[in-house]
Amino acid sequence: MLTATLLCLVVAITDGDTLTAHCGQPQAYEQVTVHLGGIDAPEKHQPYGIQARQALSDIALGKTAELRCHKIDAYQRHICSVWVAPASAPDGPRTLDAGLAMTTLGLAWWYRAYAQEQSPQERGQYEFAQQEARAKRAGLWRDSDPVAPWDWRKNSPPQR
Protein backbone atom coordinates (compact mmCIF):
# COMPACT_ATOMS: atom_id res chain seq x y z
CA MET A 1 0.00 0.00 0.00
CA LEU A 2 1.21 3.49 -0.89
CA THR A 3 2.07 5.68 2.07
CA ALA A 4 3.49 9.10 1.36
CA THR A 5 3.49 12.62 2.72
CA LEU A 6 3.77 15.32 0.08
CA LEU A 7 4.03 19.09 0.38
CA CYS A 8 2.05 20.61 -2.47
CA LEU A 9 0.31 23.73 -3.74
CA VAL A 10 -3.44 23.31 -4.25
CA VAL A 11 -4.13 24.75 -7.71
CA ALA A 12 -7.69 23.62 -8.52
CA ILE A 13 -10.84 22.31 -6.89
CA THR A 14 -12.89 19.84 -8.91
CA ASP A 15 -15.71 19.33 -6.43
CA GLY A 16 -16.23 19.07 -2.67
CA ASP A 17 -13.88 16.13 -2.23
CA THR A 18 -11.42 16.32 -5.14
CA LEU A 19 -8.60 18.75 -5.86
CA THR A 20 -5.50 19.15 -8.01
CA ALA A 21 -2.14 19.95 -6.48
CA HIS A 22 1.35 20.68 -7.78
CA CYS A 23 3.95 18.82 -5.77
CA GLY A 24 7.69 19.38 -5.90
CA GLN A 25 9.68 22.29 -7.30
CA PRO A 26 7.92 24.76 -9.65
CA GLN A 27 10.29 23.95 -12.51
CA ALA A 28 9.68 20.20 -12.18
CA TYR A 29 6.44 19.74 -10.28
CA GLU A 30 4.20 16.70 -10.47
CA GLN A 31 0.49 17.36 -10.92
CA VAL A 32 -1.50 15.16 -8.55
CA THR A 33 -5.25 14.61 -8.43
CA VAL A 34 -6.36 14.06 -4.84
CA HIS A 35 -9.57 12.63 -3.43
CA LEU A 36 -9.98 13.51 0.23
CA GLY A 37 -9.94 10.30 2.23
CA GLY A 38 -12.76 9.58 4.65
CA ILE A 39 -15.45 11.67 2.93
CA ASP A 40 -17.80 11.77 -0.02
CA ALA A 41 -19.19 15.19 -0.96
CA PRO A 42 -22.20 15.95 -3.14
CA GLU A 43 -21.56 15.72 -6.87
CA LYS A 44 -21.49 18.95 -8.93
CA HIS A 45 -25.06 18.55 -10.20
CA GLN A 46 -26.40 17.23 -6.91
CA PRO A 47 -28.02 19.48 -4.26
CA TYR A 48 -25.25 21.18 -2.24
CA GLY A 49 -22.64 20.25 -4.85
CA ILE A 50 -21.84 23.88 -5.67
CA GLN A 51 -21.68 24.83 -1.98
CA ALA A 52 -19.37 21.89 -1.24
CA ARG A 53 -17.01 22.86 -4.06
CA GLN A 54 -16.94 26.47 -2.85
CA ALA A 55 -16.28 25.41 0.74
CA LEU A 56 -13.32 23.23 -0.25
CA SER A 57 -12.05 26.09 -2.38
CA ASP A 58 -12.27 28.44 0.61
CA ILE A 59 -10.42 25.92 2.77
CA ALA A 60 -7.62 24.83 0.45
CA LEU A 61 -7.29 26.64 -2.90
CA GLY A 62 -3.99 28.49 -3.30
CA LYS A 63 -2.60 27.06 -0.08
CA THR A 64 0.39 24.87 0.56
CA ALA A 65 -1.03 21.57 1.75
CA GLU A 66 0.46 18.54 3.41
CA LEU A 67 -0.98 15.50 1.66
CA ARG A 68 -0.91 12.33 3.74
CA CYS A 69 -1.66 9.71 1.10
CA HIS A 70 -2.31 6.02 1.60
CA LYS A 71 -3.47 4.66 -1.76
CA ILE A 72 -4.31 5.37 -5.39
CA ASP A 73 -7.86 4.57 -6.47
CA ALA A 74 -9.24 3.10 -9.70
CA TYR A 75 -9.40 6.62 -11.21
CA GLN A 76 -5.68 7.17 -10.48
CA ARG A 77 -6.47 9.71 -7.76
CA HIS A 78 -4.30 9.80 -4.66
CA ILE A 79 -6.43 9.16 -1.58
CA CYS A 80 -5.12 11.51 1.09
CA SER A 81 -5.92 13.55 4.11
CA VAL A 82 -5.23 17.16 3.19
CA TRP A 83 -3.82 19.44 5.86
CA VAL A 84 -3.68 23.24 5.47
CA ALA A 85 -3.17 26.26 7.68
CA PRO A 86 -6.54 27.51 8.95
CA ALA A 87 -7.86 30.86 7.71
CA SER A 88 -7.46 32.25 11.23
CA ALA A 89 -3.67 31.63 11.04
CA PRO A 90 -2.76 31.55 7.33
CA ASP A 91 0.97 31.68 8.04
CA GLY A 92 0.77 29.15 10.85
CA PRO A 93 1.17 25.40 10.88
CA ARG A 94 -1.00 23.11 8.75
CA THR A 95 -3.40 21.94 11.46
CA LEU A 96 -6.72 21.93 9.57
CA ASP A 97 -7.84 18.59 8.14
CA ALA A 98 -9.86 19.63 5.05
CA GLY A 99 -11.97 16.45 5.01
CA LEU A 100 -12.90 16.82 8.65
CA ALA A 101 -13.71 20.50 8.05
CA MET A 102 -16.02 19.59 5.14
CA THR A 103 -17.81 17.07 7.35
CA THR A 104 -18.10 19.61 10.18
CA LEU A 105 -19.64 22.13 7.78
CA GLY A 106 -22.23 19.55 6.76
CA LEU A 107 -20.99 19.56 3.16
CA ALA A 108 -19.69 15.99 3.04
CA TRP A 109 -20.61 12.62 4.42
CA TRP A 110 -18.20 10.61 6.48
CA TYR A 111 -17.63 7.69 4.10
CA ARG A 112 -18.23 4.86 6.54
CA ALA A 113 -17.59 2.21 3.85
CA TYR A 114 -13.91 3.24 3.91
CA ALA A 115 -13.63 3.79 7.66
CA GLN A 116 -11.12 0.93 7.96
CA GLU A 117 -8.66 3.14 6.05
CA GLN A 118 -8.75 5.68 8.89
CA SER A 119 -7.15 5.42 12.30
CA PRO A 120 -9.51 4.82 15.22
CA GLN A 121 -9.00 8.47 16.24
CA GLU A 122 -9.92 9.73 12.75
CA ARG A 123 -12.99 7.49 12.62
CA GLY A 124 -14.16 8.91 15.92
CA GLN A 125 -13.54 12.50 14.84
CA TYR A 126 -15.30 12.12 11.49
CA GLU A 127 -18.26 10.23 12.93
CA PHE A 128 -18.67 12.85 15.67
CA ALA A 129 -18.38 15.72 13.15
CA GLN A 130 -21.12 14.20 11.02
CA GLN A 131 -23.38 13.63 14.04
CA GLU A 132 -22.86 17.24 15.15
CA ALA A 133 -23.49 18.66 11.66
CA ARG A 134 -26.65 16.59 11.38
CA ALA A 135 -27.87 17.65 14.83
CA LYS A 136 -27.25 21.32 13.97
CA ARG A 137 -28.84 20.86 10.51
CA ALA A 138 -25.71 22.32 8.93
CA GLY A 139 -25.24 22.31 5.16
CA LEU A 140 -26.86 19.37 3.41
CA TRP A 141 -28.40 18.24 6.69
CA ARG A 142 -30.95 21.08 6.27
CA ASP A 143 -32.78 18.70 3.93
CA SER A 144 -35.04 16.25 5.72
CA ASP A 145 -33.63 13.32 3.73
CA PRO A 146 -30.37 14.23 1.93
CA VAL A 147 -29.22 11.74 -0.69
CA ALA A 148 -25.68 10.48 -0.26
CA PRO A 149 -23.47 10.80 -3.37
CA TRP A 150 -23.01 7.02 -3.69
CA ASP A 151 -26.83 6.64 -3.92
CA TRP A 152 -27.25 9.70 -6.14
CA ARG A 153 -24.70 8.38 -8.65
CA LYS A 154 -26.60 5.06 -8.89
CA ASN A 155 -29.93 6.78 -9.58
CA SER A 156 -28.93 9.70 -11.81
CA PRO A 157 -28.40 9.79 -15.55
CA PRO A 158 -24.85 10.65 -16.63
CA GLN A 159 -24.18 14.43 -16.65
CA ARG A 160 -22.62 16.16 -19.63
C-alpha atoms as a PDB file:
ATOM      1  CA  MET A   1       0.000   0.000   0.000  1.00  0.00           C
ATOM      2  CA  LEU A   2       1.215   3.487  -0.891  1.00  0.00           C
ATOM      3  CA  THR A   3       2.075   5.676   2.066  1.00  0.00           C
ATOM      4  CA  ALA A   4       3.493   9.102   1.357  1.00  0.00           C
ATOM      5  CA  THR A   5       3.495  12.623   2.722  1.00  0.00           C
ATOM      6  CA  LEU A   6       3.774  15.323   0.076  1.00  0.00           C
ATOM      7  CA  LEU A   7       4.029  19.094   0.381  1.00  0.00           C
ATOM      8  CA  CYS A   8       2.051  20.611  -2.470  1.00  0.00           C
ATOM      9  CA  LEU A   9       0.311  23.731  -3.736  1.00  0.00           C
ATOM     10  CA  VAL A  10      -3.437  23.308  -4.248  1.00  0.00           C
ATOM     11  CA  VAL A  11      -4.129  24.749  -7.706  1.00  0.00           C
ATOM     12  CA  ALA A  12      -7.692  23.620  -8.523  1.00  0.00           C
ATOM     13  CA  ILE A  13     -10.844  22.313  -6.889  1.00  0.00           C
ATOM     14  CA  THR A  14     -12.892  19.838  -8.914  1.00  0.00           C
ATOM     15  CA  ASP A  15     -15.713  19.331  -6.426  1.00  0.00           C
ATOM     16  CA  GLY A  16     -16.229  19.068  -2.674  1.00  0.00           C
ATOM     17  CA  ASP A  17     -13.882  16.131  -2.232  1.00  0.00           C
ATOM     18  CA  THR A  18     -11.418  16.323  -5.136  1.00  0.00           C
ATOM     19  CA  LEU A  19      -8.603  18.750  -5.860  1.00  0.00           C
ATOM     20  CA  THR A  20      -5.503  19.154  -8.006  1.00  0.00           C
ATOM     21  CA  ALA A  21      -2.137  19.945  -6.483  1.00  0.00           C
ATOM     22  CA  HIS A  22       1.347  20.684  -7.776  1.00  0.00           C
ATOM     23  CA  CYS A  23       3.948  18.816  -5.773  1.00  0.00           C
ATOM     24  CA  GLY A  24       7.692  19.385  -5.898  1.00  0.00           C
ATOM     25  CA  GLN A  25       9.678  22.290  -7.303  1.00  0.00           C
ATOM     26  CA  PRO A  26       7.919  24.761  -9.646  1.00  0.00           C
ATOM     27  CA  GLN A  27      10.294  23.945 -12.506  1.00  0.00           C
ATOM     28  CA  ALA A  28       9.677  20.197 -12.181  1.00  0.00           C
ATOM     29  CA  TYR A  29       6.436  19.741 -10.284  1.00  0.00           C
ATOM     30  CA  GLU A  30       4.198  16.696 -10.466  1.00  0.00           C
ATOM     31  CA  GLN A  31       0.493  17.358 -10.918  1.00  0.00           C
ATOM     32  CA  VAL A  32      -1.502  15.164  -8.552  1.00  0.00           C
ATOM     33  CA  THR A  33      -5.252  14.606  -8.428  1.00  0.00           C
ATOM     34  CA  VAL A  34      -6.361  14.058  -4.842  1.00  0.00           C
ATOM     35  CA  HIS A  35      -9.568  12.629  -3.432  1.00  0.00           C
ATOM     36  CA  LEU A  36      -9.981  13.508   0.235  1.00  0.00           C
ATOM     37  CA  GLY A  37      -9.944  10.301   2.235  1.00  0.00           C
ATOM     38  CA  GLY A  38     -12.762   9.575   4.650  1.00  0.00           C
ATOM     39  CA  ILE A  39     -15.446  11.670   2.932  1.00  0.00           C
ATOM     40  CA  ASP A  40     -17.797  11.773  -0.015  1.00  0.00           C
ATOM     41  CA  ALA A  41     -19.185  15.189  -0.957  1.00  0.00           C
ATOM     42  CA  PRO A  42     -22.197  15.948  -3.142  1.00  0.00           C
ATOM     43  CA  GLU A  43     -21.559  15.724  -6.870  1.00  0.00           C
ATOM     44  CA  LYS A  44     -21.490  18.947  -8.928  1.00  0.00           C
ATOM     45  CA  HIS A  45     -25.055  18.549 -10.202  1.00  0.00           C
ATOM     46  CA  GLN A  46     -26.405  17.235  -6.907  1.00  0.00           C
ATOM     47  CA  PRO A  47     -28.016  19.476  -4.259  1.00  0.00           C
ATOM     48  CA  TYR A  48     -25.254  21.181  -2.241  1.00  0.00           C
ATOM     49  CA  GLY A  49     -22.640  20.249  -4.849  1.00  0.00           C
ATOM     50  CA  ILE A  50     -21.841  23.883  -5.667  1.00  0.00           C
ATOM     51  CA  GLN A  51     -21.677  24.825  -1.979  1.00  0.00           C
ATOM     52  CA  ALA A  52     -19.372  21.889  -1.239  1.00  0.00           C
ATOM     53  CA  ARG A  53     -17.008  22.861  -4.063  1.00  0.00           C
ATOM     54  CA  GLN A  54     -16.940  26.473  -2.850  1.00  0.00           C
ATOM     55  CA  ALA A  55     -16.284  25.412   0.739  1.00  0.00           C
ATOM     56  CA  LEU A  56     -13.324  23.225  -0.246  1.00  0.00           C
ATOM     57  CA  SER A  57     -12.050  26.093  -2.381  1.00  0.00           C
ATOM     58  CA  ASP A  58     -12.270  28.438   0.612  1.00  0.00           C
ATOM     59  CA  ILE A  59     -10.419  25.918   2.771  1.00  0.00           C
ATOM     60  CA  ALA A  60      -7.617  24.833   0.449  1.00  0.00           C
ATOM     61  CA  LEU A  61      -7.291  26.639  -2.897  1.00  0.00           C
ATOM     62  CA  GLY A  62      -3.992  28.485  -3.303  1.00  0.00           C
ATOM     63  CA  LYS A  63      -2.596  27.064  -0.077  1.00  0.00           C
ATOM     64  CA  THR A  64       0.386  24.870   0.563  1.00  0.00           C
ATOM     65  CA  ALA A  65      -1.025  21.565   1.754  1.00  0.00           C
ATOM     66  CA  GLU A  66       0.460  18.539   3.408  1.00  0.00           C
ATOM     67  CA  LEU A  67      -0.978  15.498   1.664  1.00  0.00           C
ATOM     68  CA  ARG A  68      -0.915  12.326   3.743  1.00  0.00           C
ATOM     69  CA  CYS A  69      -1.661   9.705   1.103  1.00  0.00           C
ATOM     70  CA  HIS A  70      -2.305   6.023   1.603  1.00  0.00           C
ATOM     71  CA  LYS A  71      -3.472   4.655  -1.755  1.00  0.00           C
ATOM     72  CA  ILE A  72      -4.306   5.367  -5.386  1.00  0.00           C
ATOM     73  CA  ASP A  73      -7.859   4.572  -6.466  1.00  0.00           C
ATOM     74  CA  ALA A  74      -9.241   3.104  -9.697  1.00  0.00           C
ATOM     75  CA  TYR A  75      -9.397   6.616 -11.208  1.00  0.00           C
ATOM     76  CA  GLN A  76      -5.680   7.173 -10.485  1.00  0.00           C
ATOM     77  CA  ARG A  77      -6.465   9.706  -7.763  1.00  0.00           C
ATOM     78  CA  HIS A  78      -4.299   9.803  -4.662  1.00  0.00           C
ATOM     79  CA  ILE A  79      -6.432   9.157  -1.584  1.00  0.00           C
ATOM     80  CA  CYS A  80      -5.124  11.512   1.093  1.00  0.00           C
ATOM     81  CA  SER A  81      -5.924  13.545   4.113  1.00  0.00           C
ATOM     82  CA  VAL A  82      -5.234  17.165   3.187  1.00  0.00           C
ATOM     83  CA  TRP A  83      -3.818  19.445   5.865  1.00  0.00           C
ATOM     84  CA  VAL A  84      -3.677  23.237   5.470  1.00  0.00           C
ATOM     85  CA  ALA A  85      -3.174  26.259   7.684  1.00  0.00           C
ATOM     86  CA  PRO A  86      -6.540  27.510   8.946  1.00  0.00           C
ATOM     87  CA  ALA A  87      -7.864  30.862   7.706  1.00  0.00           C
ATOM     88  CA  SER A  88      -7.456  32.247  11.230  1.00  0.00           C
ATOM     89  CA  ALA A  89      -3.668  31.633  11.041  1.00  0.00           C
ATOM     90  CA  PRO A  90      -2.760  31.546   7.329  1.00  0.00           C
ATOM     91  CA  ASP A  91       0.972  31.679   8.039  1.00  0.00           C
ATOM     92  CA  GLY A  92       0.774  29.153  10.850  1.00  0.00           C
ATOM     93  CA  PRO A  93       1.167  25.397  10.885  1.00  0.00           C
ATOM     94  CA  ARG A  94      -0.998  23.110   8.751  1.00  0.00           C
ATOM     95  CA  THR A  95      -3.399  21.936  11.462  1.00  0.00           C
ATOM     96  CA  LEU A  96      -6.720  21.935   9.573  1.00  0.00           C
ATOM     97  CA  ASP A  97      -7.843  18.589   8.136  1.00  0.00           C
ATOM     98  CA  ALA A  98      -9.862  19.632   5.049  1.00  0.00           C
ATOM     99  CA  GLY A  99     -11.967  16.450   5.008  1.00  0.00           C
ATOM    100  CA  LEU A 100     -12.903  16.821   8.652  1.00  0.00           C
ATOM    101  CA  ALA A 101     -13.709  20.501   8.046  1.00  0.00           C
ATOM    102  CA  MET A 102     -16.017  19.590   5.144  1.00  0.00           C
ATOM    103  CA  THR A 103     -17.814  17.066   7.351  1.00  0.00           C
ATOM    104  CA  THR A 104     -18.100  19.611  10.181  1.00  0.00           C
ATOM    105  CA  LEU A 105     -19.644  22.133   7.776  1.00  0.00           C
ATOM    106  CA  GLY A 106     -22.227  19.551   6.756  1.00  0.00           C
ATOM    107  CA  LEU A 107     -20.994  19.559   3.162  1.00  0.00           C
ATOM    108  CA  ALA A 108     -19.689  15.995   3.038  1.00  0.00           C
ATOM    109  CA  TRP A 109     -20.608  12.623   4.416  1.00  0.00           C
ATOM    110  CA  TRP A 110     -18.196  10.613   6.478  1.00  0.00           C
ATOM    111  CA  TYR A 111     -17.625   7.692   4.101  1.00  0.00           C
ATOM    112  CA  ARG A 112     -18.227   4.864   6.543  1.00  0.00           C
ATOM    113  CA  ALA A 113     -17.592   2.215   3.853  1.00  0.00           C
ATOM    114  CA  TYR A 114     -13.908   3.237   3.907  1.00  0.00           C
ATOM    115  CA  ALA A 115     -13.627   3.786   7.658  1.00  0.00           C
ATOM    116  CA  GLN A 116     -11.121   0.928   7.962  1.00  0.00           C
ATOM    117  CA  GLU A 117      -8.657   3.142   6.046  1.00  0.00           C
ATOM    118  CA  GLN A 118      -8.749   5.676   8.888  1.00  0.00           C
ATOM    119  CA  SER A 119      -7.146   5.423  12.296  1.00  0.00           C
ATOM    120  CA  PRO A 120      -9.509   4.819  15.224  1.00  0.00           C
ATOM    121  CA  GLN A 121      -9.004   8.468  16.239  1.00  0.00           C
ATOM    122  CA  GLU A 122      -9.919   9.733  12.752  1.00  0.00           C
ATOM    123  CA  ARG A 123     -12.990   7.488  12.618  1.00  0.00           C
ATOM    124  CA  GLY A 124     -14.164   8.913  15.923  1.00  0.00           C
ATOM    125  CA  GLN A 125     -13.541  12.500  14.843  1.00  0.00           C
ATOM    126  CA  TYR A 126     -15.299  12.118  11.487  1.00  0.00           C
ATOM    127  CA  GLU A 127     -18.260  10.233  12.932  1.00  0.00           C
ATOM    128  CA  PHE A 128     -18.669  12.851  15.668  1.00  0.00           C
ATOM    129  CA  ALA A 129     -18.375  15.724  13.153  1.00  0.00           C
ATOM    130  CA  GLN A 130     -21.121  14.195  11.024  1.00  0.00           C
ATOM    131  CA  GLN A 131     -23.377  13.626  14.043  1.00  0.00           C
ATOM    132  CA  GLU A 132     -22.863  17.241  15.147  1.00  0.00           C
ATOM    133  CA  ALA A 133     -23.486  18.662  11.661  1.00  0.00           C
ATOM    134  CA  ARG A 134     -26.654  16.591  11.383  1.00  0.00           C
ATOM    135  CA  ALA A 135     -27.872  17.650  14.831  1.00  0.00           C
ATOM    136  CA  LYS A 136     -27.246  21.320  13.966  1.00  0.00           C
ATOM    137  CA  ARG A 137     -28.836  20.860  10.515  1.00  0.00           C
ATOM    138  CA  ALA A 138     -25.710  22.322   8.928  1.00  0.00           C
ATOM    139  CA  GLY A 139     -25.237  22.313   5.161  1.00  0.00           C
ATOM    140  CA  LEU A 140     -26.859  19.368   3.407  1.00  0.00           C
ATOM    141  CA  TRP A 141     -28.400  18.243   6.687  1.00  0.00           C
ATOM    142  CA  ARG A 142     -30.947  21.080   6.268  1.00  0.00           C
ATOM    143  CA  ASP A 143     -32.777  18.698   3.933  1.00  0.00           C
ATOM    144  CA  SER A 144     -35.035  16.247   5.716  1.00  0.00           C
ATOM    145  CA  ASP A 145     -33.630  13.324   3.729  1.00  0.00           C
ATOM    146  CA  PRO A 146     -30.375  14.227   1.934  1.00  0.00           C
ATOM    147  CA  VAL A 147     -29.223  11.744  -0.688  1.00  0.00           C
ATOM    148  CA  ALA A 148     -25.676  10.479  -0.255  1.00  0.00           C
ATOM    149  CA  PRO A 149     -23.466  10.797  -3.369  1.00  0.00           C
ATOM    150  CA  TRP A 150     -23.013   7.023  -3.691  1.00  0.00           C
ATOM    151  CA  ASP A 151     -26.832   6.642  -3.915  1.00  0.00           C
ATOM    152  CA  TRP A 152     -27.252   9.703  -6.135  1.00  0.00           C
ATOM    153  CA  ARG A 153     -24.700   8.375  -8.654  1.00  0.00           C
ATOM    154  CA  LYS A 154     -26.602   5.062  -8.892  1.00  0.00           C
ATOM    155  CA  ASN A 155     -29.934   6.780  -9.579  1.00  0.00           C
ATOM    156  CA  SER A 156     -28.929   9.698 -11.812  1.00  0.00           C
ATOM    157  CA  PRO A 157     -28.401   9.795 -15.554  1.00  0.00           C
ATOM    158  CA  PRO A 158     -24.846  10.655 -16.628  1.00  0.00           C
ATOM    159  CA  GLN A 159     -24.179  14.431 -16.648  1.00  0.00           C
ATOM    160  CA  ARG A 160     -22.621  16.162 -19.632  1.00  0.00           C
END
